[in-house]
Amino acid sequence: MFHMPTIPELLIILLIVFVLFGASRLPEAGKALGAGIRNFKKALSGELEVEEEEKKKIKEVKAEEVKEDKKEEAKAS
């Protein structure tokens, strides 16, 4: 059936990928793949939702601070 690839098979696959994509695009592909895996893991653990909620709260607080600053400037003038 299916077996794990051995080192020579992995080297052949790596060589084919290197020829297809070239040396300049491999780091970009690796970064994109890593970011995708990280986001997937965060989504599974629920961290991604928490981060989005925290970002929304920070934006709301900043908006309130801006409103307060404008009110203070209006009073001062």
C-alpha atoms as a PDB file:
ATOM      1  CA  MET A   1       0.000   0.000   0.000  1.00  0.00           C
ATOM      2  CA  PHE A   2       1.402   3.360   1.074  1.00  0.00           C
ATOM      3  CA  HIS A   3       4.746   3.782   2.767  1.00  0.00           C
ATOM      4  CA  MET A   4       6.697   6.774   3.988  1.00  0.00           C
ATOM      5  CA  PRO A   5       9.184   8.078   1.422  1.00  0.00           C
ATOM      6  CA  THR A   6      12.805   7.271   2.077  1.00  0.00           C
ATOM      7  CA  ILE A   7      15.657   9.780   1.939  1.00  0.00           C
ATOM      8  CA  PRO A   8      16.530   9.151  -1.736  1.00  0.00           C
ATOM      9  CA  GLU A   9      12.865   9.591  -2.690  1.00  0.00           C
ATOM     10  CA  LEU A  10      12.654  12.831  -0.697  1.00  0.00           C
ATOM     11  CA  LEU A  11      15.806  14.134  -2.397  1.00  0.00           C
ATOM     12  CA  ILE A  12      14.332  13.400  -5.819  1.00  0.00           C
ATOM     13  CA  ILE A  13      11.108  15.206  -4.886  1.00  0.00           C
ATOM     14  CA  LEU A  14      13.123  18.163  -3.551  1.00  0.00           C
ATOM     15  CA  LEU A  15      15.157  18.306  -6.770  1.00  0.00           C
ATOM     16  CA  ILE A  16      11.994  18.309  -8.895  1.00  0.00           C
ATOM     17  CA  VAL A  17      10.480  21.118  -6.784  1.00  0.00           C
ATOM     18  CA  PHE A  18      13.731  23.075  -7.054  1.00  0.00           C
ATOM     19  CA  VAL A  19      13.761  22.732 -10.845  1.00  0.00           C
ATOM     20  CA  LEU A  20      10.089  23.668 -11.192  1.00  0.00           C
ATOM     21  CA  PHE A  21      10.047  26.715  -8.928  1.00  0.00           C
ATOM     22  CA  GLY A  22      13.638  27.916  -8.961  1.00  0.00           C
ATOM     23  CA  ALA A  23      15.794  29.073  -6.078  1.00  0.00           C
ATOM     24  CA  SER A  24      14.247  32.529  -5.792  1.00  0.00           C
ATOM     25  CA  ARG A  25      10.670  31.360  -5.263  1.00  0.00           C
ATOM     26  CA  LEU A  26      11.361  28.561  -2.767  1.00  0.00           C
ATOM     27  CA  PRO A  27      11.801  30.851   0.296  1.00  0.00           C
ATOM     28  CA  GLU A  28       8.573  32.670  -0.581  1.00  0.00           C
ATOM     29  CA  ALA A  29       6.737  29.377  -0.914  1.00  0.00           C
ATOM     30  CA  GLY A  30       8.168  28.182   2.406  1.00  0.00           C
ATOM     31  CA  LYS A  31       7.067  31.356   4.193  1.00  0.00           C
ATOM     32  CA  ALA A  32       3.584  31.115   2.732  1.00  0.00           C
ATOM     33  CA  LEU A  33       3.310  27.451   3.675  1.00  0.00           C
ATOM     34  CA  GLY A  34       4.519  28.158   7.219  1.00  0.00           C
ATOM     35  CA  ALA A  35       2.072  31.035   7.650  1.00  0.00           C
ATOM     36  CA  GLY A  36      -0.765  28.863   6.395  1.00  0.00           C
ATOM     37  CA  ILE A  37       0.094  26.073   8.810  1.00  0.00           C
ATOM     38  CA  ARG A  38       0.360  28.551  11.713  1.00  0.00           C
ATOM     39  CA  ASN A  39      -3.032  30.065  10.908  1.00  0.00           C
ATOM     40  CA  PHE A  40      -4.559  26.617  10.575  1.00  0.00           C
ATOM     41  CA  LYS A  41      -3.249  25.572  13.991  1.00  0.00           C
ATOM     42  CA  LYS A  42      -4.460  28.833  15.544  1.00  0.00           C
ATOM     43  CA  ALA A  43      -7.894  28.340  14.025  1.00  0.00           C
ATOM     44  CA  LEU A  44      -8.072  24.825  15.419  1.00  0.00           C
ATOM     45  CA  SER A  45      -7.131  25.951  18.903  1.00  0.00           C
ATOM     46  CA  GLY A  46      -9.399  28.997  18.813  1.00  0.00           C
ATOM     47  CA  GLU A  47      -6.565  31.524  19.207  1.00  0.00           C
ATOM     48  CA  LEU A  48      -7.385  33.195  15.917  1.00  0.00           C
ATOM     49  CA  GLU A  49     -10.849  34.182  17.126  1.00  0.00           C
ATOM     50  CA  VAL A  50      -9.399  35.552  20.357  1.00  0.00           C
ATOM     51  CA  GLU A  51      -6.828  37.631  18.450  1.00  0.00           C
ATOM     52  CA  GLU A  52      -9.521  39.095  16.207  1.00  0.00           C
ATOM     53  CA  GLU A  53     -11.665  39.986  19.217  1.00  0.00           C
ATOM     54  CA  GLU A  54      -8.681  41.641  20.917  1.00  0.00           C
ATOM     55  CA  LYS A  55      -7.927  43.667  17.792  1.00  0.00           C
ATOM     56  CA  LYS A  56     -11.543  44.867  17.675  1.00  0.00           C
ATOM     57  CA  LYS A  57     -11.403  45.905  21.328  1.00  0.00           C
ATOM     58  CA  ILE A  58      -8.152  47.792  20.758  1.00  0.00           C
ATOM     59  CA  LYS A  59      -9.683  49.638  17.801  1.00  0.00           C
ATOM     60  CA  GLU A  60     -12.719  50.557  19.891  1.00  0.00           C
ATOM     61  CA  VAL A  61     -10.553  51.881  22.726  1.00  0.00           C
ATOM     62  CA  LYS A  62      -8.446  53.915  20.299  1.00  0.00           C
ATOM     63  CA  ALA A  63     -11.587  55.361  18.714  1.00  0.00           C
ATOM     64  CA  GLU A  64     -12.873  56.369  22.155  1.00  0.00           C
ATOM     65  CA  GLU A  65      -9.529  58.000  22.981  1.00  0.00           C
ATOM     66  CA  VAL A  66      -9.638  59.988  19.757  1.00  0.00           C
ATOM     67  CA  LYS A  67     -13.167  61.190  20.579  1.00  0.00           C
ATOM     68  CA  GLU A  68     -12.061  62.227  24.062  1.00  0.00           C
ATOM     69  CA  ASP A  69      -9.032  64.074  22.659  1.00  0.00           C
ATOM     70  CA  LYS A  70     -11.252  65.955  20.227  1.00  0.00           C
ATOM     71  CA  LYS A  71     -13.613  66.959  23.055  1.00  0.00           C
ATOM     72  CA  GLU A  72     -10.674  68.210  25.122  1.00  0.00           C
ATOM     73  CA  GLU A  73      -9.315  70.203  22.169  1.00  0.00           C
ATOM     74  CA  ALA A  74     -12.735  71.743  21.597  1.00  0.00           C
ATOM     75  CA  LYS A  75     -12.961  72.780  25.257  1.00  0.00           C
ATOM     76  CA  ALA A  76      -9.442  74.254  25.173  1.00  0.00           C
ATOM     77  CA  SER A  77     -10.126  76.427  22.135  1.00  0.00           C
END
